[in-house]
């Protein structure tokens, strides 16, 4: 395994994790906004 491929796969894994965390974060934000607007 070459370092370039390892780095690329690592970046892909980190990007996927970041996207997953961002999606969870946005879900929390939207839920809070819904509660604030309804309350």
PDB file of N, CA and C in Angstrom:
ATOM      1  N   UNK A   1       0.849  -1.199   0.000  1.00  0.00           N
ATOM      2  CA  UNK A   1       0.000   0.000   0.000  1.00  0.00           C
ATOM      3  C   UNK A   1       0.881   1.245   0.000  1.00  0.00           C
ATOM      4  N   UNK A   2       0.671   2.113  -0.976  1.00  0.00           N
ATOM      5  CA  UNK A   2       1.498   3.310  -1.058  1.00  0.00           C
ATOM      6  C   UNK A   2       0.954   4.386  -0.115  1.00  0.00           C
ATOM      7  N   UNK A   3       1.819   5.252   0.358  1.00  0.00           N
ATOM      8  CA  UNK A   3       1.385   6.316   1.279  1.00  0.00           C
ATOM      9  C   UNK A   3       0.296   7.190   0.661  1.00  0.00           C
ATOM     10  N   UNK A   4       0.339   7.384  -0.668  1.00  0.00           N
ATOM     11  CA  UNK A   4      -0.658   8.243  -1.310  1.00  0.00           C
ATOM     12  C   UNK A   4      -2.046   7.610  -1.186  1.00  0.00           C
ATOM     13  N   UNK A   5      -2.121   6.318  -1.479  1.00  0.00           N
ATOM     14  CA  UNK A   5      -3.408   5.633  -1.376  1.00  0.00           C
ATOM     15  C   UNK A   5      -3.890   5.640   0.077  1.00  0.00           C
ATOM     16  N   UNK A   6      -2.943   5.405   1.002  1.00  0.00           N
ATOM     17  CA  UNK A   6      -3.323   5.406   2.418  1.00  0.00           C
ATOM     18  C   UNK A   6      -3.847   6.775   2.817  1.00  0.00           C
ATOM     19  N   UNK A   7      -3.161   7.824   2.364  1.00  0.00           N
ATOM     20  CA  UNK A   7      -3.585   9.180   2.709  1.00  0.00           C
ATOM     21  C   UNK A   7      -4.948   9.469   2.105  1.00  0.00           C
ATOM     22  N   UNK A   8      -5.150   9.040   0.848  1.00  0.00           N
ATOM     23  CA  UNK A   8      -6.424   9.290   0.185  1.00  0.00           C
ATOM     24  C   UNK A   8      -7.560   8.583   0.918  1.00  0.00           C
ATOM     25  N   UNK A   9      -7.347   7.314   1.270  1.00  0.00           N
ATOM     26  CA  UNK A   9      -8.401   6.586   1.980  1.00  0.00           C
ATOM     27  C   UNK A   9      -8.645   7.192   3.358  1.00  0.00           C
ATOM     28  N   UNK A  10      -7.573   7.661   3.990  1.00  0.00           N
ATOM     29  CA  UNK A  10      -7.735   8.299   5.295  1.00  0.00           C
ATOM     30  C   UNK A  10      -8.557   9.570   5.165  1.00  0.00           C
ATOM     31  N   UNK A  11      -8.267  10.369   4.117  1.00  0.00           N
ATOM     32  CA  UNK A  11      -9.030  11.595   3.909  1.00  0.00           C
ATOM     33  C   UNK A  11     -10.495  11.279   3.622  1.00  0.00           C
ATOM     34  N   UNK A  12     -10.728  10.227   2.838  1.00  0.00           N
ATOM     35  CA  UNK A  12     -12.113   9.837   2.538  1.00  0.00           C
ATOM     36  C   UNK A  12     -12.836   9.420   3.817  1.00  0.00           C
ATOM     37  N   UNK A  13     -12.152   8.662   4.660  1.00  0.00           N
ATOM     38  CA  UNK A  13     -12.768   8.223   5.915  1.00  0.00           C
ATOM     39  C   UNK A  13     -13.044   9.423   6.818  1.00  0.00           C
ATOM     40  N   UNK A  14     -12.085  10.343   6.914  1.00  0.00           N
ATOM     41  CA  UNK A  14     -12.290  11.533   7.744  1.00  0.00           C
ATOM     42  C   UNK A  14     -13.409  12.400   7.190  1.00  0.00           C
ATOM     43  N   UNK A  15     -13.477  12.517   5.862  1.00  0.00           N
ATOM     44  CA  UNK A  15     -14.537  13.319   5.243  1.00  0.00           C
ATOM     45  C   UNK A  15     -15.896  12.690   5.531  1.00  0.00           C
ATOM     46  N   UNK A  16     -15.977  11.362   5.423  1.00  0.00           N
ATOM     47  CA  UNK A  16     -17.237  10.692   5.710  1.00  0.00           C
ATOM     48  C   UNK A  16     -17.654  10.898   7.158  1.00  0.00           C
ATOM     49  N   UNK A  17     -16.692  10.818   8.053  1.00  0.00           N
ATOM     50  CA  UNK A  17     -16.995  11.030   9.475  1.00  0.00           C
ATOM     51  C   UNK A  17     -17.421  12.467   9.721  1.00  0.00           C
ATOM     52  N   UNK A  18     -16.749  13.413   9.074  1.00  0.00           N
ATOM     53  CA  UNK A  18     -17.099  14.827   9.241  1.00  0.00           C
ATOM     54  C   UNK A  18     -18.506  15.092   8.716  1.00  0.00           C
ATOM     55  N   UNK A  19     -18.839  14.488   7.566  1.00  0.00           N
ATOM     56  CA  UNK A  19     -20.180  14.671   7.008  1.00  0.00           C
ATOM     57  C   UNK A  19     -21.229  14.071   7.936  1.00  0.00           C
ATOM     58  N   UNK A  20     -20.911  12.910   8.503  1.00  0.00           N
ATOM     59  CA  UNK A  20     -21.836  12.258   9.426  1.00  0.00           C
ATOM     60  C   UNK A  20     -22.048  13.132  10.665  1.00  0.00           C
ATOM     61  N   UNK A  21     -20.955  13.671  11.210  1.00  0.00           N
ATOM     62  CA  UNK A  21     -21.065  14.541  12.387  1.00  0.00           C
ATOM     63  C   UNK A  21     -21.836  15.810  12.051  1.00  0.00           C
ATOM     64  N   UNK A  22     -21.592  16.369  10.854  1.00  0.00           N
ATOM     65  CA  UNK A  22     -22.298  17.587  10.448  1.00  0.00           C
ATOM     66  C   UNK A  22     -23.787  17.302  10.305  1.00  0.00           C
ATOM     67  N   UNK A  23     -24.140  16.138   9.774  1.00  0.00           N
ATOM     68  CA  UNK A  23     -25.551  15.790   9.615  1.00  0.00           C
ATOM     69  C   UNK A  23     -26.224  15.677  10.980  1.00  0.00           C
ATOM     70  N   UNK A  24     -25.554  15.029  11.931  1.00  0.00           N
ATOM     71  CA  UNK A  24     -26.112  14.918  13.281  1.00  0.00           C
ATOM     72  C   UNK A  24     -26.247  16.296  13.904  1.00  0.00           C
ATOM     73  N   UNK A  25     -25.237  17.157  13.696  1.00  0.00           N
ATOM     74  CA  UNK A  25     -25.260  18.504  14.256  1.00  0.00           C
ATOM     75  C   UNK A  25     -26.426  19.300  13.680  1.00  0.00           C
ATOM     76  N   UNK A  26     -26.643  19.182  12.366  1.00  0.00           N
ATOM     77  CA  UNK A  26     -27.743  19.903  11.730  1.00  0.00           C
ATOM     78  C   UNK A  26     -29.084  19.363  12.215  1.00  0.00           C
ATOM     79  N   UNK A  27     -29.166  18.062  12.464  1.00  0.00           N
ATOM     80  CA  UNK A  27     -30.409  17.499  13.002  1.00  0.00           C
ATOM     81  C   UNK A  27     -30.717  18.114  14.367  1.00  0.00           C
ATOM     82  N   UNK A  28     -29.692  18.246  15.197  1.00  0.00           N
ATOM     83  CA  UNK A  28     -29.892  18.840  16.520  1.00  0.00           C
ATOM     84  C   UNK A  28     -30.317  20.297  16.376  1.00  0.00           C
ATOM     85  N   UNK A  29     -29.652  21.026  15.485  1.00  0.00           N
ATOM     86  CA  UNK A  29     -29.984  22.440  15.290  1.00  0.00           C
ATOM     87  C   UNK A  29     -31.426  22.594  14.810  1.00  0.00           C
ATOM     88  N   UNK A  30     -31.822  21.772  13.828  1.00  0.00           N
ATOM     89  CA  UNK A  30     -33.188  21.884  13.293  1.00  0.00           C
ATOM     90  C   UNK A  30     -34.219  21.536  14.366  1.00  0.00           C
ATOM     91  N   UNK A  31     -33.886  20.554  15.211  1.00  0.00           N
ATOM     92  CA  UNK A  31     -34.819  20.182  16.283  1.00  0.00           C
ATOM     93  C   UNK A  31     -34.963  21.326  17.283  1.00  0.00           C
ATOM     94  N   UNK A  32     -33.845  21.953  17.641  1.00  0.00           N
ATOM     95  CA  UNK A  32     -33.892  23.087  18.572  1.00  0.00           C
ATOM     96  C   UNK A  32     -34.682  24.238  17.964  1.00  0.00           C
ATOM     97  N   UNK A  33     -34.454  24.502  16.680  1.00  0.00           N
ATOM     98  CA  UNK A  33     -35.179  25.594  16.022  1.00  0.00           C
ATOM     99  C   UNK A  33     -36.676  25.301  15.997  1.00  0.00           C
ATOM    100  N   UNK A  34     -37.035  24.052  15.748  1.00  0.00           N
ATOM    101  CA  UNK A  34     -38.449  23.687  15.717  1.00  0.00           C
ATOM    102  C   UNK A  34     -39.078  23.883  17.093  1.00  0.00           C
ATOM    103  N   UNK A  35     -38.362  23.503  18.129  1.00  0.00           N
ATOM    104  CA  UNK A  35     -38.903  23.667  19.482  1.00  0.00           C
ATOM    105  C   UNK A  35     -39.043  25.145  19.828  1.00  0.00           C
ATOM    106  N   UNK A  36     -38.062  25.950  19.438  1.00  0.00           N
ATOM    107  CA  UNK A  36     -38.110  27.375  19.761  1.00  0.00           C
ATOM    108  C   UNK A  36     -39.257  28.049  19.008  1.00  0.00           C
ATOM    109  N   UNK A  37     -39.414  27.715  17.725  1.00  0.00           N
ATOM    110  CA  UNK A  37     -40.450  28.359  16.922  1.00  0.00           C
ATOM    111  C   UNK A  37     -41.845  27.915  17.364  1.00  0.00           C
ATOM    112  N   UNK A  38     -41.965  26.680  17.837  1.00  0.00           N
ATOM    113  CA  UNK A  38     -43.277  26.181  18.253  1.00  0.00           C
ATOM    114  C   UNK A  38     -43.595  26.626  19.682  1.00  0.00           C
ATOM    115  N   UNK A  39     -42.544  26.822  20.489  1.00  0.00           N
ATOM    116  CA  UNK A  39     -42.758  27.179  21.872  1.00  0.00           C
ATOM    117  C   UNK A  39     -42.800  28.667  22.071  1.00  0.00           C
TER     118      UNK A  39
END
